[in-house]
N, C-alpha and C. Protein backbone atom coordinates (compact mmCIF):
# COMPACT_ATOMS: atom_id res chain seq x y z
N MET A 1 -29.23 -2.00 1.76
CA MET A 1 -28.47 -1.79 2.97
C MET A 1 -27.24 -2.69 3.04
N GLU A 2 -27.24 -3.77 2.27
CA GLU A 2 -26.12 -4.69 2.27
C GLU A 2 -24.84 -4.00 1.78
N SER A 3 -24.97 -3.11 0.81
CA SER A 3 -23.82 -2.38 0.28
C SER A 3 -23.20 -1.49 1.35
N MET A 4 -24.04 -0.86 2.17
CA MET A 4 -23.54 0.01 3.23
C MET A 4 -22.80 -0.80 4.29
N GLU A 5 -23.32 -1.97 4.61
CA GLU A 5 -22.66 -2.83 5.60
C GLU A 5 -21.32 -3.32 5.07
N ASN A 6 -21.27 -3.63 3.79
CA ASN A 6 -20.01 -4.07 3.19
C ASN A 6 -18.97 -2.94 3.22
N ALA A 7 -19.40 -1.72 2.94
CA ALA A 7 -18.47 -0.59 2.93
C ALA A 7 -17.94 -0.27 4.32
N ASN A 8 -18.73 -0.56 5.34
CA ASN A 8 -18.31 -0.25 6.70
C ASN A 8 -17.65 -1.42 7.41
N ALA A 9 -17.33 -2.48 6.68
CA ALA A 9 -16.70 -3.64 7.30
C ALA A 9 -15.32 -3.28 7.82
N GLU A 10 -15.03 -3.75 9.00
CA GLU A 10 -13.77 -3.40 9.66
C GLU A 10 -12.56 -3.97 8.93
N GLY A 11 -12.72 -5.10 8.28
CA GLY A 11 -11.61 -5.73 7.57
C GLY A 11 -11.05 -4.88 6.44
N HIS A 12 -11.92 -4.13 5.79
CA HIS A 12 -11.45 -3.25 4.71
C HIS A 12 -10.47 -2.21 5.24
N TYR A 13 -10.79 -1.65 6.36
CA TYR A 13 -9.97 -0.57 6.90
C TYR A 13 -8.68 -1.08 7.52
N LYS A 14 -8.70 -2.30 8.03
CA LYS A 14 -7.45 -2.91 8.51
C LYS A 14 -6.51 -3.17 7.33
N LEU A 15 -7.06 -3.70 6.24
CA LEU A 15 -6.26 -3.95 5.05
C LEU A 15 -5.73 -2.65 4.46
N LEU A 16 -6.54 -1.61 4.48
CA LEU A 16 -6.10 -0.31 3.98
C LEU A 16 -4.96 0.26 4.84
N THR A 17 -5.04 0.06 6.14
CA THR A 17 -3.97 0.51 7.03
C THR A 17 -2.67 -0.23 6.74
N VAL A 18 -2.76 -1.53 6.54
CA VAL A 18 -1.56 -2.32 6.20
C VAL A 18 -0.97 -1.85 4.88
N ALA A 19 -1.82 -1.58 3.90
CA ALA A 19 -1.35 -1.11 2.59
C ALA A 19 -0.65 0.24 2.71
N ILE A 20 -1.18 1.11 3.53
CA ILE A 20 -0.55 2.43 3.72
C ILE A 20 0.81 2.28 4.38
N ILE A 21 0.91 1.39 5.37
CA ILE A 21 2.19 1.17 6.04
C ILE A 21 3.22 0.60 5.07
N ILE A 22 2.81 -0.36 4.23
CA ILE A 22 3.72 -0.92 3.23
C ILE A 22 4.17 0.17 2.26
N GLY A 23 3.26 1.04 1.85
CA GLY A 23 3.61 2.13 0.95
C GLY A 23 4.59 3.11 1.59
N ILE A 24 4.38 3.41 2.85
CA ILE A 24 5.29 4.33 3.56
C ILE A 24 6.68 3.71 3.68
N VAL A 25 6.75 2.41 3.95
CA VAL A 25 8.05 1.73 4.02
C VAL A 25 8.75 1.80 2.67
N GLY A 26 8.01 1.59 1.59
CA GLY A 26 8.59 1.69 0.26
C GLY A 26 9.12 3.07 -0.05
N VAL A 27 8.37 4.09 0.32
CA VAL A 27 8.83 5.48 0.10
C VAL A 27 10.05 5.78 0.95
N PHE A 28 10.04 5.34 2.21
CA PHE A 28 11.19 5.59 3.09
C PHE A 28 12.45 4.94 2.53
N LEU A 29 12.32 3.67 2.13
CA LEU A 29 13.50 2.98 1.58
C LEU A 29 13.97 3.63 0.29
N ARG A 30 13.04 4.14 -0.47
CA ARG A 30 13.41 4.78 -1.74
C ARG A 30 14.27 6.03 -1.49
N PHE A 31 13.90 6.82 -0.51
CA PHE A 31 14.66 8.03 -0.24
C PHE A 31 15.85 7.80 0.67
N ALA A 32 15.79 6.80 1.54
CA ALA A 32 16.90 6.52 2.44
C ALA A 32 18.08 5.92 1.67
N GLY A 33 17.79 5.11 0.68
CA GLY A 33 18.87 4.47 -0.06
C GLY A 33 19.25 5.18 -1.32
N ASP A 34 18.70 6.34 -1.57
CA ASP A 34 18.93 7.04 -2.83
C ASP A 34 20.35 7.60 -2.94
N ALA A 35 20.93 7.99 -1.83
CA ALA A 35 22.20 8.70 -1.88
C ALA A 35 23.39 7.78 -2.12
N ASN A 36 23.42 6.63 -1.47
CA ASN A 36 24.66 5.86 -1.50
C ASN A 36 24.48 4.39 -1.90
N THR A 37 23.36 4.03 -2.48
CA THR A 37 23.19 2.63 -2.89
C THR A 37 22.90 2.56 -4.37
N GLY A 38 22.87 1.37 -4.86
CA GLY A 38 22.76 1.18 -6.29
C GLY A 38 21.35 0.94 -6.77
N PHE A 39 21.32 0.44 -7.99
CA PHE A 39 20.07 0.23 -8.71
C PHE A 39 19.19 -0.82 -8.04
N MET A 40 19.81 -1.84 -7.46
CA MET A 40 19.04 -2.94 -6.87
C MET A 40 18.21 -2.48 -5.68
N PHE A 41 18.78 -1.68 -4.81
CA PHE A 41 18.06 -1.18 -3.62
C PHE A 41 16.90 -0.30 -4.04
N THR A 42 17.10 0.54 -5.03
CA THR A 42 16.04 1.40 -5.53
C THR A 42 14.93 0.57 -6.17
N SER A 43 15.29 -0.47 -6.89
CA SER A 43 14.30 -1.33 -7.52
C SER A 43 13.46 -2.07 -6.48
N ILE A 44 14.10 -2.57 -5.44
CA ILE A 44 13.37 -3.27 -4.39
C ILE A 44 12.41 -2.33 -3.68
N SER A 45 12.84 -1.12 -3.41
CA SER A 45 11.95 -0.16 -2.74
C SER A 45 10.78 0.23 -3.64
N ASN A 46 11.03 0.33 -4.93
CA ASN A 46 9.94 0.62 -5.87
C ASN A 46 8.93 -0.52 -5.93
N VAL A 47 9.40 -1.76 -5.88
CA VAL A 47 8.51 -2.92 -5.88
C VAL A 47 7.65 -2.93 -4.62
N ILE A 48 8.26 -2.63 -3.47
CA ILE A 48 7.51 -2.57 -2.21
C ILE A 48 6.44 -1.49 -2.29
N LEU A 49 6.78 -0.35 -2.85
CA LEU A 49 5.82 0.75 -3.00
C LEU A 49 4.67 0.34 -3.93
N ILE A 50 4.97 -0.32 -5.02
CA ILE A 50 3.94 -0.73 -5.96
C ILE A 50 3.01 -1.78 -5.32
N ILE A 51 3.57 -2.68 -4.52
CA ILE A 51 2.75 -3.67 -3.82
C ILE A 51 1.78 -2.97 -2.87
N GLY A 52 2.26 -1.97 -2.14
CA GLY A 52 1.38 -1.20 -1.26
C GLY A 52 0.28 -0.48 -2.03
N ILE A 53 0.62 0.07 -3.17
CA ILE A 53 -0.38 0.77 -3.99
C ILE A 53 -1.44 -0.20 -4.50
N LEU A 54 -1.02 -1.37 -4.96
CA LEU A 54 -1.97 -2.35 -5.48
C LEU A 54 -2.92 -2.87 -4.40
N ILE A 55 -2.38 -3.10 -3.21
CA ILE A 55 -3.24 -3.55 -2.10
C ILE A 55 -4.23 -2.45 -1.74
N ALA A 56 -3.77 -1.21 -1.70
CA ALA A 56 -4.66 -0.10 -1.37
C ALA A 56 -5.75 0.07 -2.41
N LEU A 57 -5.41 -0.04 -3.70
CA LEU A 57 -6.43 0.08 -4.74
C LEU A 57 -7.44 -1.05 -4.67
N LYS A 58 -6.97 -2.26 -4.40
CA LYS A 58 -7.88 -3.39 -4.26
C LYS A 58 -8.87 -3.14 -3.13
N CYS A 59 -8.37 -2.62 -2.03
CA CYS A 59 -9.22 -2.35 -0.87
C CYS A 59 -10.22 -1.23 -1.16
N VAL A 60 -9.78 -0.19 -1.78
CA VAL A 60 -10.66 0.95 -2.10
C VAL A 60 -11.78 0.51 -3.05
N PHE A 61 -11.42 -0.28 -4.05
CA PHE A 61 -12.46 -0.76 -4.98
C PHE A 61 -13.42 -1.73 -4.30
N ALA A 62 -12.93 -2.49 -3.33
CA ALA A 62 -13.83 -3.38 -2.58
C ALA A 62 -14.79 -2.57 -1.72
N ILE A 63 -14.34 -1.46 -1.18
CA ILE A 63 -15.21 -0.59 -0.39
C ILE A 63 -16.26 0.05 -1.28
N MET A 64 -15.85 0.49 -2.47
CA MET A 64 -16.79 1.16 -3.38
C MET A 64 -17.81 0.19 -3.97
N LYS A 65 -17.47 -1.08 -4.01
CA LYS A 65 -18.37 -2.08 -4.59
C LYS A 65 -19.54 -2.29 -3.71
């Protein structure tokens, strides 16, 4: 039963929500700056998106554990 309690911990879902918001910000910046900005803006938005993905994967694997 300990595994079920760990999977239902509220902290996991708060962290997952934060990760999704970070990912959405990265996607928004990627498309918002695509038309008239350079390589640096696109790179920063890609890094933000990757950070959101990594946090989300960490959280999902913690839930599955």
